[in-house]
Amino acid sequence: MRQAVLVTRPEPGLSETVSAVQAQGWRAIASPVMTMRQMPPIEDHPCRAMLVTSSQALPFLVKQDRDRLLLTVGNRTAQRAEAMGFRCVEAASGTQEGLEALCRQKNLYGSDLLLACGRGRHGQPYGVDLAVKLGAQRVEAYQVQPVEHLSGAALEALATGELEAVLFYSSETVSLFMELCPPELHDRLGQCRAICFSQAIAKRAESMGQWGCIEVGSPLTVLGKRHEKRRTI
Protein backbone atom coordinates (compact mmCIF):
# COMPACT_ATOMS: atom_id res chain seq x y z
CA MET A 1 0.00 0.00 0.00
CA ARG A 2 1.43 3.36 -1.04
CA GLN A 3 1.88 5.55 2.03
CA ALA A 4 4.97 7.69 1.34
CA VAL A 5 4.69 11.38 0.47
CA LEU A 6 7.61 13.28 -1.04
CA VAL A 7 8.26 16.91 -0.04
CA THR A 8 10.37 18.73 -2.64
CA ARG A 9 10.46 22.26 -1.23
CA PRO A 10 13.60 23.76 0.35
CA GLU A 11 14.02 25.37 3.74
CA PRO A 12 12.42 27.42 5.14
CA GLY A 13 9.26 25.37 4.84
CA LEU A 14 10.65 21.88 4.31
CA SER A 15 10.85 20.81 7.96
CA GLU A 16 7.44 22.13 8.96
CA THR A 17 5.83 20.55 5.89
CA VAL A 18 7.45 17.20 6.66
CA SER A 19 6.12 17.42 10.23
CA ALA A 20 2.63 18.31 9.01
CA VAL A 21 2.61 15.38 6.54
CA GLN A 22 3.67 13.01 9.31
CA ALA A 23 0.95 14.40 11.59
CA GLN A 24 -1.61 13.36 8.98
CA GLY A 25 -0.40 9.77 9.21
CA TRP A 26 1.74 9.58 6.07
CA ARG A 27 5.40 8.59 5.84
CA ALA A 28 7.01 11.86 4.86
CA ILE A 29 10.18 11.86 2.77
CA ALA A 30 12.25 15.04 2.63
CA SER A 31 13.92 15.41 -0.75
CA PRO A 32 14.38 19.11 -1.56
CA VAL A 33 15.33 19.64 -5.19
CA MET A 34 16.96 23.02 -4.57
CA THR A 35 18.76 25.13 -2.01
CA MET A 36 18.90 28.91 -1.79
CA ARG A 37 21.96 31.13 -1.96
CA GLN A 38 20.95 34.05 0.22
CA MET A 39 22.19 37.55 -0.59
CA PRO A 40 23.61 39.66 2.28
CA PRO A 41 20.81 41.55 4.05
CA ILE A 42 20.09 44.99 2.67
CA GLU A 43 20.70 47.94 4.99
CA ASP A 44 17.63 49.74 6.27
CA HIS A 45 15.92 51.14 3.19
CA PRO A 46 13.16 53.62 4.05
CA CYS A 47 10.14 53.06 1.85
CA ARG A 48 6.36 53.08 2.10
CA ALA A 49 6.02 49.30 2.09
CA MET A 50 7.96 46.11 1.43
CA LEU A 51 6.66 43.24 -0.69
CA VAL A 52 7.78 39.60 -0.78
CA THR A 53 6.58 36.88 -3.15
CA SER A 54 8.32 34.13 -1.17
CA SER A 55 9.44 33.52 2.40
CA GLN A 56 12.90 32.93 0.90
CA ALA A 57 13.23 36.73 0.67
CA LEU A 58 12.63 37.40 4.37
CA PRO A 59 16.23 36.89 5.60
CA PHE A 60 17.24 39.66 3.17
CA LEU A 61 15.02 42.10 5.11
CA VAL A 62 16.26 41.45 8.66
CA LYS A 63 17.77 44.95 8.96
CA GLN A 64 14.55 46.74 8.00
CA ASP A 65 12.32 48.73 10.35
CA ARG A 66 10.01 46.20 12.06
CA ASP A 67 7.16 48.77 12.05
CA ARG A 68 7.25 49.26 8.27
CA LEU A 69 4.35 47.72 6.34
CA LEU A 70 5.24 44.31 4.89
CA LEU A 71 2.91 42.64 2.38
CA THR A 72 3.44 38.94 1.78
CA VAL A 73 2.23 36.57 -0.90
CA GLY A 74 0.31 34.39 1.59
CA ASN A 75 -0.46 33.53 5.20
CA ARG A 76 2.46 31.19 5.80
CA THR A 77 5.00 33.80 4.71
CA ALA A 78 3.18 36.37 6.87
CA GLN A 79 3.51 34.08 9.89
CA ARG A 80 7.24 33.72 9.30
CA ALA A 81 7.60 37.50 8.97
CA GLU A 82 5.75 38.02 12.26
CA ALA A 83 8.00 35.43 13.91
CA MET A 84 10.96 37.56 12.79
CA GLY A 85 9.48 40.54 14.64
CA PHE A 86 7.72 42.45 11.86
CA ARG A 87 4.64 44.06 13.39
CA CYS A 88 2.75 45.45 10.38
CA VAL A 89 2.25 42.40 8.17
CA GLU A 90 -0.62 41.72 5.75
CA ALA A 91 -1.02 38.61 3.61
CA ALA A 92 -2.37 38.30 0.07
CA SER A 93 -4.34 35.31 -1.22
CA GLY A 94 -1.32 33.10 -1.96
CA THR A 95 -0.38 34.15 -5.50
CA GLN A 96 1.58 36.96 -7.11
CA GLU A 97 -1.65 38.17 -8.70
CA GLY A 98 -3.20 38.30 -5.25
CA LEU A 99 -0.28 40.36 -3.97
CA GLU A 100 -0.73 42.82 -6.83
CA ALA A 101 -4.46 43.08 -6.07
CA LEU A 102 -3.74 43.74 -2.39
CA CYS A 103 -1.34 46.55 -3.32
CA ARG A 104 -3.90 48.16 -5.61
CA GLN A 105 -6.59 47.79 -2.97
CA LYS A 106 -4.37 49.70 -0.55
CA ASN A 107 -3.39 52.23 -3.25
CA LEU A 108 0.24 51.16 -3.04
CA TYR A 109 2.37 51.65 -6.13
CA GLY A 110 5.47 53.52 -7.27
CA SER A 111 9.17 53.57 -6.51
CA ASP A 112 8.63 53.81 -2.74
CA LEU A 113 7.62 50.15 -2.78
CA LEU A 114 10.45 47.66 -2.23
CA LEU A 115 9.89 44.26 -3.87
CA ALA A 116 12.32 41.59 -2.61
CA CYS A 117 12.56 38.69 -5.07
CA GLY A 118 15.00 36.08 -6.26
CA ARG A 119 16.52 34.53 -9.36
CA GLY A 120 15.97 31.07 -10.77
CA ARG A 121 18.69 28.52 -11.33
CA HIS A 122 19.34 29.81 -14.88
CA GLY A 123 19.56 33.38 -13.64
CA GLN A 124 16.02 34.28 -14.67
CA PRO A 125 14.70 37.10 -12.47
CA TYR A 126 11.52 36.51 -10.50
CA GLY A 127 8.92 39.20 -9.94
CA VAL A 128 9.80 41.43 -12.89
CA ASP A 129 6.21 41.64 -14.14
CA LEU A 130 4.95 42.56 -10.69
CA ALA A 131 7.62 45.23 -10.27
CA VAL A 132 6.72 46.75 -13.63
CA LYS A 133 2.98 46.70 -12.97
CA LEU A 134 3.38 48.40 -9.61
CA GLY A 135 6.35 50.59 -10.50
CA ALA A 136 8.18 49.09 -7.51
CA GLN A 137 11.91 48.87 -6.86
CA ARG A 138 12.97 45.27 -7.34
CA VAL A 139 15.88 43.94 -5.29
CA GLU A 140 17.37 40.45 -5.39
CA ALA A 141 17.31 38.50 -2.16
CA TYR A 142 18.31 34.96 -3.18
CA GLN A 143 19.13 32.63 -6.07
CA VAL A 144 17.98 29.06 -6.63
CA GLN A 145 20.69 26.40 -6.69
CA PRO A 146 19.73 22.86 -7.77
CA VAL A 147 20.75 19.82 -5.77
CA GLU A 148 22.62 17.00 -7.49
CA HIS A 149 20.17 14.14 -6.93
CA LEU A 150 16.98 13.05 -5.23
CA SER A 151 17.37 11.51 -1.79
CA GLY A 152 17.93 7.78 -1.55
CA ALA A 153 14.64 7.38 0.33
CA ALA A 154 12.77 9.17 -2.47
CA LEU A 155 14.31 6.94 -5.15
CA GLU A 156 13.52 3.81 -3.15
CA ALA A 157 9.89 4.82 -2.62
CA LEU A 158 9.50 5.46 -6.34
CA ALA A 159 11.18 2.21 -7.34
CA THR A 160 9.11 0.08 -4.96
CA GLY A 161 5.80 1.75 -5.80
CA GLU A 162 5.35 3.06 -2.25
CA LEU A 163 5.08 6.72 -3.24
CA GLU A 164 1.55 8.06 -2.87
CA ALA A 165 2.17 11.72 -3.78
CA VAL A 166 4.72 14.41 -4.54
CA LEU A 167 4.10 17.91 -3.17
CA PHE A 168 5.03 20.84 -5.41
CA TYR A 169 5.08 24.45 -4.22
CA SER A 170 6.61 26.05 -7.35
CA SER A 171 6.97 25.42 -11.06
CA GLU A 172 10.74 25.29 -10.70
CA THR A 173 10.52 22.42 -8.22
CA VAL A 174 8.51 20.48 -10.81
CA SER A 175 11.18 21.04 -13.47
CA LEU A 176 14.03 20.11 -11.16
CA PHE A 177 12.24 17.02 -9.86
CA MET A 178 11.67 15.73 -13.39
CA GLU A 179 15.31 16.34 -14.30
CA LEU A 180 16.53 14.53 -11.19
CA CYS A 181 14.11 11.61 -11.49
CA PRO A 182 15.94 8.78 -13.31
CA PRO A 183 14.33 8.01 -16.70
CA GLU A 184 13.81 4.38 -15.74
CA LEU A 185 11.52 5.53 -12.91
CA HIS A 186 9.38 7.94 -14.95
CA ASP A 187 6.74 5.30 -15.57
CA ARG A 188 6.29 4.99 -11.79
CA LEU A 189 4.86 8.50 -11.73
CA GLY A 190 1.72 7.09 -13.33
CA GLN A 191 0.95 5.59 -9.91
CA CYS A 192 1.49 8.86 -8.03
CA ARG A 193 -0.42 12.04 -7.32
CA ALA A 194 1.17 15.37 -8.15
CA ILE A 195 -0.28 17.85 -5.64
CA CYS A 196 0.38 21.39 -6.87
CA PHE A 197 -0.05 24.68 -5.03
CA SER A 198 -1.40 26.54 -8.09
CA GLN A 199 -2.78 26.01 -11.57
CA ALA A 200 0.48 27.27 -13.09
CA ILE A 201 2.42 24.61 -11.19
CA ALA A 202 -0.10 21.98 -12.26
CA LYS A 203 0.35 22.96 -15.91
CA ARG A 204 4.10 22.49 -15.57
CA ALA A 205 3.58 19.06 -13.99
CA GLU A 206 1.16 18.06 -16.76
CA SER A 207 3.61 19.11 -19.45
CA MET A 208 6.55 17.20 -17.97
CA GLY A 209 5.24 13.85 -16.76
CA GLN A 210 2.52 11.21 -16.93
CA TRP A 211 1.05 11.34 -13.44
CA GLY A 212 -1.66 9.17 -11.93
CA CYS A 213 -3.51 12.41 -11.23
CA ILE A 214 -2.72 16.09 -10.78
CA GLU A 215 -4.48 17.97 -7.99
CA VAL A 216 -4.45 21.72 -7.26
CA GLY A 217 -4.71 23.46 -3.91
CA SER A 218 -2.83 23.89 -0.68
CA PRO A 219 -0.87 20.60 -0.74
CA LEU A 220 -1.37 19.80 2.94
CA THR A 221 -5.10 20.45 2.68
CA VAL A 222 -5.48 18.32 -0.45
CA LEU A 223 -3.40 15.55 1.09
CA GLY A 224 -5.39 15.66 4.32
CA LYS A 225 -8.73 15.35 2.55
CA ARG A 226 -7.61 12.14 0.86
CA HIS A 227 -6.39 10.70 4.15
CA GLU A 228 -9.63 11.58 5.95
CA LYS A 229 -11.63 9.96 3.16
CA ARG A 230 -9.64 6.74 3.55
CA ARG A 231 -10.22 6.69 7.30
CA THR A 232 -13.99 6.89 6.87
CA ILE A 233 -14.21 4.05 4.34
C-alpha atoms as a PDB file:
ATOM      1  CA  MET A   1       0.000   0.000   0.000  1.00  0.00           C
ATOM      2  CA  ARG A   2       1.432   3.356  -1.036  1.00  0.00           C
ATOM      3  CA  GLN A   3       1.884   5.555   2.034  1.00  0.00           C
ATOM      4  CA  ALA A   4       4.967   7.689   1.336  1.00  0.00           C
ATOM      5  CA  VAL A   5       4.688  11.381   0.467  1.00  0.00           C
ATOM      6  CA  LEU A   6       7.615  13.279  -1.042  1.00  0.00           C
ATOM      7  CA  VAL A   7       8.261  16.908  -0.043  1.00  0.00           C
ATOM      8  CA  THR A   8      10.366  18.735  -2.640  1.00  0.00           C
ATOM      9  CA  ARG A   9      10.458  22.264  -1.231  1.00  0.00           C
ATOM     10  CA  PRO A  10      13.597  23.758   0.351  1.00  0.00           C
ATOM     11  CA  GLU A  11      14.015  25.368   3.737  1.00  0.00           C
ATOM     12  CA  PRO A  12      12.417  27.416   5.143  1.00  0.00           C
ATOM     13  CA  GLY A  13       9.258  25.370   4.840  1.00  0.00           C
ATOM     14  CA  LEU A  14      10.654  21.882   4.311  1.00  0.00           C
ATOM     15  CA  SER A  15      10.854  20.813   7.960  1.00  0.00           C
ATOM     16  CA  GLU A  16       7.439  22.128   8.957  1.00  0.00           C
ATOM     17  CA  THR A  17       5.827  20.550   5.888  1.00  0.00           C
ATOM     18  CA  VAL A  18       7.447  17.195   6.659  1.00  0.00           C
ATOM     19  CA  SER A  19       6.124  17.423  10.230  1.00  0.00           C
ATOM     20  CA  ALA A  20       2.625  18.308   9.007  1.00  0.00           C
ATOM     21  CA  VAL A  21       2.610  15.382   6.538  1.00  0.00           C
ATOM     22  CA  GLN A  22       3.673  13.015   9.313  1.00  0.00           C
ATOM     23  CA  ALA A  23       0.951  14.399  11.587  1.00  0.00           C
ATOM     24  CA  GLN A  24      -1.610  13.358   8.980  1.00  0.00           C
ATOM     25  CA  GLY A  25      -0.402   9.768   9.210  1.00  0.00           C
ATOM     26  CA  TRP A  26       1.735   9.584   6.067  1.00  0.00           C
ATOM     27  CA  ARG A  27       5.396   8.591   5.836  1.00  0.00           C
ATOM     28  CA  ALA A  28       7.006  11.862   4.858  1.00  0.00           C
ATOM     29  CA  ILE A  29      10.177  11.862   2.772  1.00  0.00           C
ATOM     30  CA  ALA A  30      12.250  15.042   2.629  1.00  0.00           C
ATOM     31  CA  SER A  31      13.916  15.412  -0.753  1.00  0.00           C
ATOM     32  CA  PRO A  32      14.381  19.113  -1.560  1.00  0.00           C
ATOM     33  CA  VAL A  33      15.329  19.641  -5.190  1.00  0.00           C
ATOM     34  CA  MET A  34      16.965  23.022  -4.569  1.00  0.00           C
ATOM     35  CA  THR A  35      18.757  25.126  -2.009  1.00  0.00           C
ATOM     36  CA  MET A  36      18.900  28.909  -1.789  1.00  0.00           C
ATOM     37  CA  ARG A  37      21.957  31.132  -1.964  1.00  0.00           C
ATOM     38  CA  GLN A  38      20.950  34.054   0.220  1.00  0.00           C
ATOM     39  CA  MET A  39      22.195  37.550  -0.588  1.00  0.00           C
ATOM     40  CA  PRO A  40      23.610  39.658   2.279  1.00  0.00           C
ATOM     41  CA  PRO A  41      20.806  41.547   4.052  1.00  0.00           C
ATOM     42  CA  ILE A  42      20.093  44.986   2.673  1.00  0.00           C
ATOM     43  CA  GLU A  43      20.703  47.937   4.988  1.00  0.00           C
ATOM     44  CA  ASP A  44      17.629  49.740   6.271  1.00  0.00           C
ATOM     45  CA  HIS A  45      15.923  51.136   3.192  1.00  0.00           C
ATOM     46  CA  PRO A  46      13.165  53.621   4.052  1.00  0.00           C
ATOM     47  CA  CYS A  47      10.140  53.057   1.851  1.00  0.00           C
ATOM     48  CA  ARG A  48       6.364  53.076   2.097  1.00  0.00           C
ATOM     49  CA  ALA A  49       6.020  49.302   2.093  1.00  0.00           C
ATOM     50  CA  MET A  50       7.960  46.107   1.430  1.00  0.00           C
ATOM     51  CA  LEU A  51       6.663  43.235  -0.693  1.00  0.00           C
ATOM     52  CA  VAL A  52       7.778  39.598  -0.783  1.00  0.00           C
ATOM     53  CA  THR A  53       6.578  36.882  -3.151  1.00  0.00           C
ATOM     54  CA  SER A  54       8.323  34.127  -1.173  1.00  0.00           C
ATOM     55  CA  SER A  55       9.439  33.522   2.398  1.00  0.00           C
ATOM     56  CA  GLN A  56      12.903  32.927   0.903  1.00  0.00           C
ATOM     57  CA  ALA A  57      13.228  36.729   0.667  1.00  0.00           C
ATOM     58  CA  LEU A  58      12.627  37.396   4.367  1.00  0.00           C
ATOM     59  CA  PRO A  59      16.233  36.895   5.604  1.00  0.00           C
ATOM     60  CA  PHE A  60      17.236  39.659   3.165  1.00  0.00           C
ATOM     61  CA  LEU A  61      15.022  42.102   5.107  1.00  0.00           C
ATOM     62  CA  VAL A  62      16.258  41.447   8.657  1.00  0.00           C
ATOM     63  CA  LYS A  63      17.774  44.954   8.963  1.00  0.00           C
ATOM     64  CA  GLN A  64      14.555  46.741   7.997  1.00  0.00           C
ATOM     65  CA  ASP A  65      12.320  48.726  10.348  1.00  0.00           C
ATOM     66  CA  ARG A  66      10.013  46.204  12.056  1.00  0.00           C
ATOM     67  CA  ASP A  67       7.163  48.771  12.051  1.00  0.00           C
ATOM     68  CA  ARG A  68       7.252  49.257   8.272  1.00  0.00           C
ATOM     69  CA  LEU A  69       4.354  47.717   6.339  1.00  0.00           C
ATOM     70  CA  LEU A  70       5.237  44.314   4.887  1.00  0.00           C
ATOM     71  CA  LEU A  71       2.908  42.640   2.377  1.00  0.00           C
ATOM     72  CA  THR A  72       3.437  38.936   1.783  1.00  0.00           C
ATOM     73  CA  VAL A  73       2.232  36.567  -0.897  1.00  0.00           C
ATOM     74  CA  GLY A  74       0.307  34.394   1.590  1.00  0.00           C
ATOM     75  CA  ASN A  75      -0.456  33.533   5.199  1.00  0.00           C
ATOM     76  CA  ARG A  76       2.463  31.187   5.796  1.00  0.00           C
ATOM     77  CA  THR A  77       4.999  33.799   4.707  1.00  0.00           C
ATOM     78  CA  ALA A  78       3.179  36.368   6.866  1.00  0.00           C
ATOM     79  CA  GLN A  79       3.511  34.082   9.887  1.00  0.00           C
ATOM     80  CA  ARG A  80       7.243  33.715   9.297  1.00  0.00           C
ATOM     81  CA  ALA A  81       7.599  37.500   8.968  1.00  0.00           C
ATOM     82  CA  GLU A  82       5.753  38.015  12.257  1.00  0.00           C
ATOM     83  CA  ALA A  83       8.002  35.429  13.909  1.00  0.00           C
ATOM     84  CA  MET A  84      10.961  37.558  12.786  1.00  0.00           C
ATOM     85  CA  GLY A  85       9.479  40.537  14.637  1.00  0.00           C
ATOM     86  CA  PHE A  86       7.719  42.448  11.857  1.00  0.00           C
ATOM     87  CA  ARG A  87       4.644  44.063  13.391  1.00  0.00           C
ATOM     88  CA  CYS A  88       2.751  45.451  10.379  1.00  0.00           C
ATOM     89  CA  VAL A  89       2.246  42.400   8.168  1.00  0.00           C
ATOM     90  CA  GLU A  90      -0.617  41.720   5.752  1.00  0.00           C
ATOM     91  CA  ALA A  91      -1.024  38.607   3.614  1.00  0.00           C
ATOM     92  CA  ALA A  92      -2.366  38.299   0.074  1.00  0.00           C
ATOM     93  CA  SER A  93      -4.337  35.308  -1.221  1.00  0.00           C
ATOM     94  CA  GLY A  94      -1.319  33.103  -1.957  1.00  0.00           C
ATOM     95  CA  THR A  95      -0.380  34.146  -5.496  1.00  0.00           C
ATOM     96  CA  GLN A  96       1.583  36.956  -7.114  1.00  0.00           C
ATOM     97  CA  GLU A  97      -1.650  38.168  -8.696  1.00  0.00           C
ATOM     98  CA  GLY A  98      -3.201  38.301  -5.250  1.00  0.00           C
ATOM     99  CA  LEU A  99      -0.283  40.362  -3.968  1.00  0.00           C
ATOM    100  CA  GLU A 100      -0.730  42.818  -6.830  1.00  0.00           C
ATOM    101  CA  ALA A 101      -4.458  43.078  -6.072  1.00  0.00           C
ATOM    102  CA  LEU A 102      -3.741  43.742  -2.394  1.00  0.00           C
ATOM    103  CA  CYS A 103      -1.338  46.547  -3.317  1.00  0.00           C
ATOM    104  CA  ARG A 104      -3.904  48.155  -5.614  1.00  0.00           C
ATOM    105  CA  GLN A 105      -6.590  47.788  -2.971  1.00  0.00           C
ATOM    106  CA  LYS A 106      -4.372  49.704  -0.551  1.00  0.00           C
ATOM    107  CA  ASN A 107      -3.385  52.229  -3.251  1.00  0.00           C
ATOM    108  CA  LEU A 108       0.239  51.164  -3.042  1.00  0.00           C
ATOM    109  CA  TYR A 109       2.373  51.653  -6.131  1.00  0.00           C
ATOM    110  CA  GLY A 110       5.468  53.517  -7.272  1.00  0.00           C
ATOM    111  CA  SER A 111       9.169  53.568  -6.505  1.00  0.00           C
ATOM    112  CA  ASP A 112       8.626  53.810  -2.742  1.00  0.00           C
ATOM    113  CA  LEU A 113       7.618  50.149  -2.780  1.00  0.00           C
ATOM    114  CA  LEU A 114      10.449  47.660  -2.229  1.00  0.00           C
ATOM    115  CA  LEU A 115       9.892  44.261  -3.867  1.00  0.00           C
ATOM    116  CA  ALA A 116      12.324  41.587  -2.608  1.00  0.00           C
ATOM    117  CA  CYS A 117      12.563  38.690  -5.070  1.00  0.00           C
ATOM    118  CA  GLY A 118      15.001  36.080  -6.265  1.00  0.00           C
ATOM    119  CA  ARG A 119      16.517  34.525  -9.362  1.00  0.00           C
ATOM    120  CA  GLY A 120      15.971  31.072 -10.771  1.00  0.00           C
ATOM    121  CA  ARG A 121      18.689  28.516 -11.332  1.00  0.00           C
ATOM    122  CA  HIS A 122      19.335  29.812 -14.877  1.00  0.00           C
ATOM    123  CA  GLY A 123      19.559  33.382 -13.637  1.00  0.00           C
ATOM    124  CA  GLN A 124      16.019  34.280 -14.672  1.00  0.00           C
ATOM    125  CA  PRO A 125      14.701  37.104 -12.467  1.00  0.00           C
ATOM    126  CA  TYR A 126      11.519  36.510 -10.497  1.00  0.00           C
ATOM    127  CA  GLY A 127       8.919  39.201  -9.940  1.00  0.00           C
ATOM    128  CA  VAL A 128       9.802  41.432 -12.888  1.00  0.00           C
ATOM    129  CA  ASP A 129       6.214  41.637 -14.135  1.00  0.00           C
ATOM    130  CA  LEU A 130       4.948  42.556 -10.688  1.00  0.00           C
ATOM    131  CA  ALA A 131       7.618  45.229 -10.267  1.00  0.00           C
ATOM    132  CA  VAL A 132       6.724  46.754 -13.635  1.00  0.00           C
ATOM    133  CA  LYS A 133       2.977  46.702 -12.968  1.00  0.00           C
ATOM    134  CA  LEU A 134       3.376  48.404  -9.611  1.00  0.00           C
ATOM    135  CA  GLY A 135       6.352  50.587 -10.504  1.00  0.00           C
ATOM    136  CA  ALA A 136       8.180  49.095  -7.511  1.00  0.00           C
ATOM    137  CA  GLN A 137      11.913  48.872  -6.864  1.00  0.00           C
ATOM    138  CA  ARG A 138      12.969  45.274  -7.345  1.00  0.00           C
ATOM    139  CA  VAL A 139      15.880  43.944  -5.286  1.00  0.00           C
ATOM    140  CA  GLU A 140      17.367  40.449  -5.394  1.00  0.00           C
ATOM    141  CA  ALA A 141      17.311  38.505  -2.159  1.00  0.00           C
ATOM    142  CA  TYR A 142      18.307  34.961  -3.183  1.00  0.00           C
ATOM    143  CA  GLN A 143      19.126  32.627  -6.070  1.00  0.00           C
ATOM    144  CA  VAL A 144      17.981  29.064  -6.627  1.00  0.00           C
ATOM    145  CA  GLN A 145      20.694  26.401  -6.691  1.00  0.00           C
ATOM    146  CA  PRO A 146      19.732  22.861  -7.774  1.00  0.00           C
ATOM    147  CA  VAL A 147      20.751  19.819  -5.770  1.00  0.00           C
ATOM    148  CA  GLU A 148      22.624  17.002  -7.489  1.00  0.00           C
ATOM    149  CA  HIS A 149      20.172  14.144  -6.928  1.00  0.00           C
ATOM    150  CA  LEU A 150      16.975  13.046  -5.232  1.00  0.00           C
ATOM    151  CA  SER A 151      17.367  11.512  -1.788  1.00  0.00           C
ATOM    152  CA  GLY A 152      17.930   7.783  -1.551  1.00  0.00           C
ATOM    153  CA  ALA A 153      14.636   7.378   0.335  1.00  0.00           C
ATOM    154  CA  ALA A 154      12.774   9.166  -2.470  1.00  0.00           C
ATOM    155  CA  LEU A 155      14.309   6.943  -5.148  1.00  0.00           C
ATOM    156  CA  GLU A 156      13.520   3.811  -3.151  1.00  0.00           C
ATOM    157  CA  ALA A 157       9.890   4.822  -2.621  1.00  0.00           C
ATOM    158  CA  LEU A 158       9.500   5.458  -6.338  1.00  0.00           C
ATOM    159  CA  ALA A 159      11.181   2.212  -7.341  1.00  0.00           C
ATOM    160  CA  THR A 160       9.110   0.082  -4.956  1.00  0.00           C
ATOM    161  CA  GLY A 161       5.795   1.747  -5.801  1.00  0.00           C
ATOM    162  CA  GLU A 162       5.347   3.056  -2.252  1.00  0.00           C
ATOM    163  CA  LEU A 163       5.080   6.722  -3.237  1.00  0.00           C
ATOM    164  CA  GLU A 164       1.550   8.062  -2.865  1.00  0.00           C
ATOM    165  CA  ALA A 165       2.167  11.716  -3.780  1.00  0.00           C
ATOM    166  CA  VAL A 166       4.718  14.406  -4.543  1.00  0.00           C
ATOM    167  CA  LEU A 167       4.096  17.911  -3.166  1.00  0.00           C
ATOM    168  CA  PHE A 168       5.034  20.836  -5.408  1.00  0.00           C
ATOM    169  CA  TYR A 169       5.082  24.450  -4.223  1.00  0.00           C
ATOM    170  CA  SER A 170       6.611  26.055  -7.345  1.00  0.00           C
ATOM    171  CA  SER A 171       6.975  25.418 -11.059  1.00  0.00           C
ATOM    172  CA  GLU A 172      10.742  25.295 -10.700  1.00  0.00           C
ATOM    173  CA  THR A 173      10.522  22.423  -8.217  1.00  0.00           C
ATOM    174  CA  VAL A 174       8.513  20.483 -10.811  1.00  0.00           C
ATOM    175  CA  SER A 175      11.176  21.040 -13.471  1.00  0.00           C
ATOM    176  CA  LEU A 176      14.026  20.106 -11.158  1.00  0.00           C
ATOM    177  CA  PHE A 177      12.237  17.020  -9.859  1.00  0.00           C
ATOM    178  CA  MET A 178      11.672  15.728 -13.387  1.00  0.00           C
ATOM    179  CA  GLU A 179      15.313  16.343 -14.305  1.00  0.00           C
ATOM    180  CA  LEU A 180      16.532  14.533 -11.185  1.00  0.00           C
ATOM    181  CA  CYS A 181      14.115  11.610 -11.493  1.00  0.00           C
ATOM    182  CA  PRO A 182      15.942   8.781 -13.311  1.00  0.00           C
ATOM    183  CA  PRO A 183      14.328   8.014 -16.702  1.00  0.00           C
ATOM    184  CA  GLU A 184      13.815   4.377 -15.738  1.00  0.00           C
ATOM    185  CA  LEU A 185      11.524   5.531 -12.910  1.00  0.00           C
ATOM    186  CA  HIS A 186       9.385   7.941 -14.946  1.00  0.00           C
ATOM    187  CA  ASP A 187       6.741   5.304 -15.567  1.00  0.00           C
ATOM    188  CA  ARG A 188       6.289   4.987 -11.792  1.00  0.00           C
ATOM    189  CA  LEU A 189       4.857   8.504 -11.727  1.00  0.00           C
ATOM    190  CA  GLY A 190       1.719   7.085 -13.330  1.00  0.00           C
ATOM    191  CA  GLN A 191       0.952   5.588  -9.911  1.00  0.00           C
ATOM    192  CA  CYS A 192       1.491   8.861  -8.026  1.00  0.00           C
ATOM    193  CA  ARG A 193      -0.418  12.038  -7.324  1.00  0.00           C
ATOM    194  CA  ALA A 194       1.174  15.375  -8.150  1.00  0.00           C
ATOM    195  CA  ILE A 195      -0.275  17.853  -5.640  1.00  0.00           C
ATOM    196  CA  CYS A 196       0.376  21.390  -6.868  1.00  0.00           C
ATOM    197  CA  PHE A 197      -0.045  24.675  -5.026  1.00  0.00           C
ATOM    198  CA  SER A 198      -1.400  26.536  -8.086  1.00  0.00           C
ATOM    199  CA  GLN A 199      -2.780  26.014 -11.567  1.00  0.00           C
ATOM    200  CA  ALA A 200       0.478  27.275 -13.089  1.00  0.00           C
ATOM    201  CA  ILE A 201       2.420  24.610 -11.193  1.00  0.00           C
ATOM    202  CA  ALA A 202      -0.099  21.976 -12.256  1.00  0.00           C
ATOM    203  CA  LYS A 203       0.349  22.956 -15.912  1.00  0.00           C
ATOM    204  CA  ARG A 204       4.104  22.493 -15.568  1.00  0.00           C
ATOM    205  CA  ALA A 205       3.575  19.061 -13.994  1.00  0.00           C
ATOM    206  CA  GLU A 206       1.159  18.062 -16.755  1.00  0.00           C
ATOM    207  CA  SER A 207       3.614  19.112 -19.447  1.00  0.00           C
ATOM    208  CA  MET A 208       6.546  17.201 -17.969  1.00  0.00           C
ATOM    209  CA  GLY A 209       5.240  13.850 -16.755  1.00  0.00           C
ATOM    210  CA  GLN A 210       2.520  11.207 -16.928  1.00  0.00           C
ATOM    211  CA  TRP A 211       1.049  11.341 -13.438  1.00  0.00           C
ATOM    212  CA  GLY A 212      -1.657   9.175 -11.931  1.00  0.00           C
ATOM    213  CA  CYS A 213      -3.507  12.408 -11.226  1.00  0.00           C
ATOM    214  CA  ILE A 214      -2.721  16.091 -10.784  1.00  0.00           C
ATOM    215  CA  GLU A 215      -4.478  17.974  -7.993  1.00  0.00           C
ATOM    216  CA  VAL A 216      -4.450  21.722  -7.261  1.00  0.00           C
ATOM    217  CA  GLY A 217      -4.713  23.461  -3.909  1.00  0.00           C
ATOM    218  CA  SER A 218      -2.828  23.892  -0.681  1.00  0.00           C
ATOM    219  CA  PRO A 219      -0.867  20.597  -0.739  1.00  0.00           C
ATOM    220  CA  LEU A 220      -1.372  19.796   2.942  1.00  0.00           C
ATOM    221  CA  THR A 221      -5.104  20.448   2.683  1.00  0.00           C
ATOM    222  CA  VAL A 222      -5.483  18.321  -0.447  1.00  0.00           C
ATOM    223  CA  LEU A 223      -3.402  15.551   1.092  1.00  0.00           C
ATOM    224  CA  GLY A 224      -5.385  15.663   4.318  1.00  0.00           C
ATOM    225  CA  LYS A 225      -8.735  15.348   2.551  1.00  0.00           C
ATOM    226  CA  ARG A 226      -7.614  12.140   0.856  1.00  0.00           C
ATOM    227  CA  HIS A 227      -6.391  10.703   4.151  1.00  0.00           C
ATOM    228  CA  GLU A 228      -9.630  11.576   5.954  1.00  0.00           C
ATOM    229  CA  LYS A 229     -11.630   9.963   3.157  1.00  0.00           C
ATOM    230  CA  ARG A 230      -9.643   6.738   3.550  1.00  0.00           C
ATOM    231  CA  ARG A 231     -10.222   6.686   7.300  1.00  0.00           C
ATOM    232  CA  THR A 232     -13.987   6.892   6.869  1.00  0.00           C
ATOM    233  CA  ILE A 233     -14.212   4.047   4.341  1.00  0.00           C
END
